C-alpha atoms as a PDB file:
ATOM      1  CA  MET A   1      -4.041 -14.135  -1.792  1.00  0.00           C
ATOM      2  CA  PRO A   2      -0.965 -15.843  -0.342  1.00  0.00           C
ATOM      3  CA  PRO A   3      -1.285 -19.386   0.931  1.00  0.00           C
ATOM      4  CA  PRO A   4      -1.854 -19.841   4.637  1.00  0.00           C
ATOM      5  CA  GLY A   5       1.238 -19.926   6.774  1.00  0.00           C
ATOM      6  CA  PRO A   6       4.119 -17.596   7.446  1.00  0.00           C
ATOM      7  CA  GLY A   7       6.247 -18.336   4.375  1.00  0.00           C
ATOM      8  CA  THR A   8       9.942 -17.470   4.350  1.00  0.00           C
ATOM      9  CA  THR A   9      10.774 -13.782   4.720  1.00  0.00           C
ATOM     10  CA  THR A  10      14.130 -12.218   3.859  1.00  0.00           C
ATOM     11  CA  SER A  11      15.364  -8.640   4.043  1.00  0.00           C
ATOM     12  CA  LEU A  12      16.167  -6.896   0.773  1.00  0.00           C
ATOM     13  CA  GLY A  13      18.027  -4.033   2.435  1.00  0.00           C
ATOM     14  CA  SER A  14      17.339  -0.425   1.445  1.00  0.00           C
ATOM     15  CA  ARG A  15      16.950   1.318  -1.888  1.00  0.00           C
ATOM     16  CA  GLU A  16      15.592   4.599  -3.227  1.00  0.00           C
ATOM     17  CA  PHE A  17      12.351   5.201  -5.084  1.00  0.00           C
ATOM     18  CA  ASP A  18      12.152   8.726  -6.561  1.00  0.00           C
ATOM     19  CA  GLY A  19      14.654   9.937  -3.955  1.00  0.00           C
ATOM     20  CA  VAL A  20      12.838   8.296  -1.036  1.00  0.00           C
ATOM     21  CA  ARG A  21      14.654   5.584   0.928  1.00  0.00           C
ATOM     22  CA  ALA A  22      12.653   2.425   1.509  1.00  0.00           C
ATOM     23  CA  ASP A  23      13.341  -0.851   3.297  1.00  0.00           C
ATOM     24  CA  GLY A  24      12.386  -4.022   1.480  1.00  0.00           C
ATOM     25  CA  LYS A  25      11.409  -7.536   2.383  1.00  0.00           C
ATOM     26  CA  ARG A  26      10.462 -10.550   0.317  1.00  0.00           C
ATOM     27  CA  THR A  27       8.229 -13.379   1.442  1.00  0.00           C
ATOM     28  CA  THR A  28       8.116 -16.640  -0.465  1.00  0.00           C
ATOM     29  CA  TRP A  29       5.621 -19.474  -0.115  1.00  0.00           C
ATOM     30  CA  THR A  30       6.024 -22.846  -1.766  1.00  0.00           C
ATOM     31  CA  ILE A  31       3.093 -25.120  -2.506  1.00  0.00           C
ATOM     32  CA  PRO A  32       4.571 -28.634  -2.605  1.00  0.00           C
ATOM     33  CA  ALA A  33       4.083 -30.796  -5.693  1.00  0.00           C
ATOM     34  CA  GLU A  34       0.712 -32.576  -5.829  1.00  0.00           C
ATOM     35  CA  ARG A  35      -0.741 -30.519  -2.937  1.00  0.00           C
ATOM     36  CA  ILE A  36      -3.384 -28.932  -5.195  1.00  0.00           C
ATOM     37  CA  GLY A  37      -3.026 -31.144  -8.251  1.00  0.00           C
ATOM     38  CA  ASN A  38       0.237 -29.502  -9.350  1.00  0.00           C
ATOM     39  CA  LYS A  39       2.987 -31.708 -10.789  1.00  0.00           C
ATOM     40  CA  LEU A  40       5.796 -29.383  -9.672  1.00  0.00           C
ATOM     41  CA  PRO A  41       6.172 -27.095  -6.646  1.00  0.00           C
ATOM     42  CA  ILE A  42       4.584 -23.646  -7.063  1.00  0.00           C
ATOM     43  CA  GLU A  43       6.487 -20.649  -5.716  1.00  0.00           C
ATOM     44  CA  ILE A  44       4.569 -17.503  -4.741  1.00  0.00           C
ATOM     45  CA  LEU A  45       6.461 -14.271  -4.124  1.00  0.00           C
ATOM     46  CA  SER A  46       5.507 -11.061  -2.307  1.00  0.00           C
ATOM     47  CA  GLU A  47       7.901  -8.087  -2.259  1.00  0.00           C
ATOM     48  CA  ARG A  48       7.208  -4.958  -0.191  1.00  0.00           C
ATOM     49  CA  TRP A  49       9.193  -1.690   0.075  1.00  0.00           C
ATOM     50  CA  TYR A  50       8.255   0.612   2.955  1.00  0.00           C
ATOM     51  CA  SER A  51       9.465   4.159   3.625  1.00  0.00           C
ATOM     52  CA  PRO A  52       9.699   4.783   7.387  1.00  0.00           C
ATOM     53  CA  GLU A  53      10.223   8.507   6.723  1.00  0.00           C
ATOM     54  CA  LEU A  54       6.936   8.875   4.802  1.00  0.00           C
ATOM     55  CA  ASN A  55       5.205   6.059   6.702  1.00  0.00           C
ATOM     56  CA  VAL A  56       3.932   4.556   3.450  1.00  0.00           C
ATOM     57  CA  VAL A  57       4.519   1.557   1.170  1.00  0.00           C
ATOM     58  CA  VAL A  58       6.167   2.835  -2.031  1.00  0.00           C
ATOM     59  CA  PHE A  59       6.373  -0.419  -4.008  1.00  0.00           C
ATOM     60  CA  THR A  60       4.866  -3.905  -3.912  1.00  0.00           C
ATOM     61  CA  ARG A  61       5.142  -6.860  -6.225  1.00  0.00           C
ATOM     62  CA  TYR A  62       3.093 -10.042  -5.925  1.00  0.00           C
ATOM     63  CA  ALA A  63       3.802 -12.932  -8.286  1.00  0.00           C
ATOM     64  CA  ASP A  64       1.827 -16.167  -8.379  1.00  0.00           C
ATOM     65  CA  PRO A  65       2.139 -18.358 -11.493  1.00  0.00           C
ATOM     66  CA  ARG A  66      -1.538 -19.310 -11.101  1.00  0.00           C
ATOM     67  CA  SER A  67      -2.809 -15.729 -11.358  1.00  0.00           C
ATOM     68  CA  GLY A  68       0.079 -13.635 -12.729  1.00  0.00           C
ATOM     69  CA  GLU A  69       1.974 -10.655 -11.384  1.00  0.00           C
ATOM     70  CA  ARG A  70       0.644  -7.472  -9.753  1.00  0.00           C
ATOM     71  CA  ILE A  71       2.825  -4.405  -9.207  1.00  0.00           C
ATOM     72  CA  TYR A  72       2.037  -1.218  -7.275  1.00  0.00           C
ATOM     73  CA  ARG A  73       4.407   1.722  -7.306  1.00  0.00           C
ATOM     74  CA  LEU A  74       3.979   5.146  -5.744  1.00  0.00           C
ATOM     75  CA  GLU A  75       5.263   7.667  -8.298  1.00  0.00           C
ATOM     76  CA  GLY A  76       5.676  11.410  -8.570  1.00  0.00           C
ATOM     77  CA  ILE A  77       6.549  11.875  -4.911  1.00  0.00           C
ATOM     78  CA  LYS A  78       6.862  15.596  -4.182  1.00  0.00           C
ATOM     79  CA  ARG A  79       8.214  16.682  -0.856  1.00  0.00           C
ATOM     80  CA  GLU A  80       7.930  20.455  -1.102  1.00  0.00           C
ATOM     81  CA  GLU A  81       5.443  22.598   0.761  1.00  0.00           C
ATOM     82  CA  PRO A  82       2.023  22.711  -0.908  1.00  0.00           C
ATOM     83  CA  ASN A  83       0.743  25.998  -2.310  1.00  0.00           C
ATOM     84  CA  ALA A  84      -0.721  28.047   0.576  1.00  0.00           C
ATOM     85  CA  GLU A  85      -3.658  29.059  -1.664  1.00  0.00           C
ATOM     86  CA  LEU A  86      -4.991  25.524  -1.313  1.00  0.00           C
ATOM     87  CA  PHE A  87      -5.668  26.155   2.380  1.00  0.00           C
ATOM     88  CA  LYS A  88      -7.297  29.598   2.246  1.00  0.00           C
ATOM     89  CA  VAL A  89     -10.954  29.910   3.156  1.00  0.00           C
ATOM     90  CA  PRO A  90     -12.934  31.154   0.125  1.00  0.00           C
ATOM     91  CA  ALA A  91     -13.984  34.818   0.355  1.00  0.00           C
ATOM     92  CA  ASP A  92     -17.687  33.949   0.007  1.00  0.00           C
ATOM     93  CA  PHE A  93     -17.625  31.314   2.739  1.00  0.00           C
ATOM     94  CA  ALA A  94     -20.113  31.814   5.568  1.00  0.00           C
ATOM     95  CA  LEU A  95     -20.605  29.701   8.662  1.00  0.00           C
ATOM     96  CA  LYS A  96     -24.251  28.941   9.279  1.00  0.00           C
ATOM     97  CA  SER A  97     -25.837  27.335  12.298  1.00  0.00           C
ATOM     98  CA  ALA A  98     -27.781  24.162  11.800  1.00  0.00           C
ATOM     99  CA  PRO A  99     -31.483  24.538  12.415  1.00  0.00           C
ATOM    100  CA  THR A 100     -32.506  23.412  15.885  1.00  0.00           C
ATOM    101  CA  ARG A 101     -35.051  20.686  16.223  1.00  0.00           C
ATOM    102  CA  ASP A 102     -38.313  21.525  17.947  1.00  0.00           C
ATOM    103  CA  PRO A 103     -38.451  19.193  21.001  1.00  0.00           C
ATOM    104  CA  ASP A 104     -42.285  19.195  20.891  1.00  0.00           C
ATOM    105  CA  ARG A 105     -42.393  18.024  17.295  1.00  0.00           C
ATOM    106  CA  LYS A 106     -42.402  14.261  16.694  1.00  0.00           C
END
């Protein structure tokens, strides 16, 4: 969890992930020396790459020397049409009405 406060955010421009363009930004927070018992300042970093075309985050990186680094990356992005067979109603499908409730029964 990042420290409270806005941090300092900078643009990282654009880059491609598996052929998908994404816009990046990096936010950095600094915990001053001796704020939480630390002798030196602690720098926490959050990096986020977002694809406006797919409307999804394709990569994040969060690094905090107190807890380590976490990376998320969306991989295997396929942009072709899905197989139409996936959307066919099974041949044995039947629509059934839900039983009606007897209004006199409690």
